[in-house]
Amino acid sequence: MDKQKLKKLLKPLVKECIQESLLEGGLLSGIIAEVVSGMNKAPVLTEAVRRPAPPEVDHDARLDRRRREAETQRQDILPSAKMLLTTYPVCQQTGQ
């Protein structure tokens, strides 16, 4: 007999025998009971990680703050720019 034919013949028989022994013999219910009791004895501990809430975003306040910062920078740069313009006068073109 060919190996494949033997396998096709025996596989359903073996499957049925194993199923009967697990269900009828109470082996499966015993395994399930042991697993459940093991799970009850050792509870799984999980640690919840709390993330800080993101700060409230106020777009108008942010825009105002950026405008003030830009104005401050402009005011800081303006005297230096005026000094450069008075120190190094713009050369007049002589037509060359």
Foldseek 3Di string as FASTA:
>chain_A
DDPVVVCVVCVVVVVVVVVCCCPVVVVVVVVVVVVVVVCVVDDDDDDDDDDDDDDDDDPVVVVVVVVVVVVVVCVVCVVVVVVVCVVDPDDDDPPD
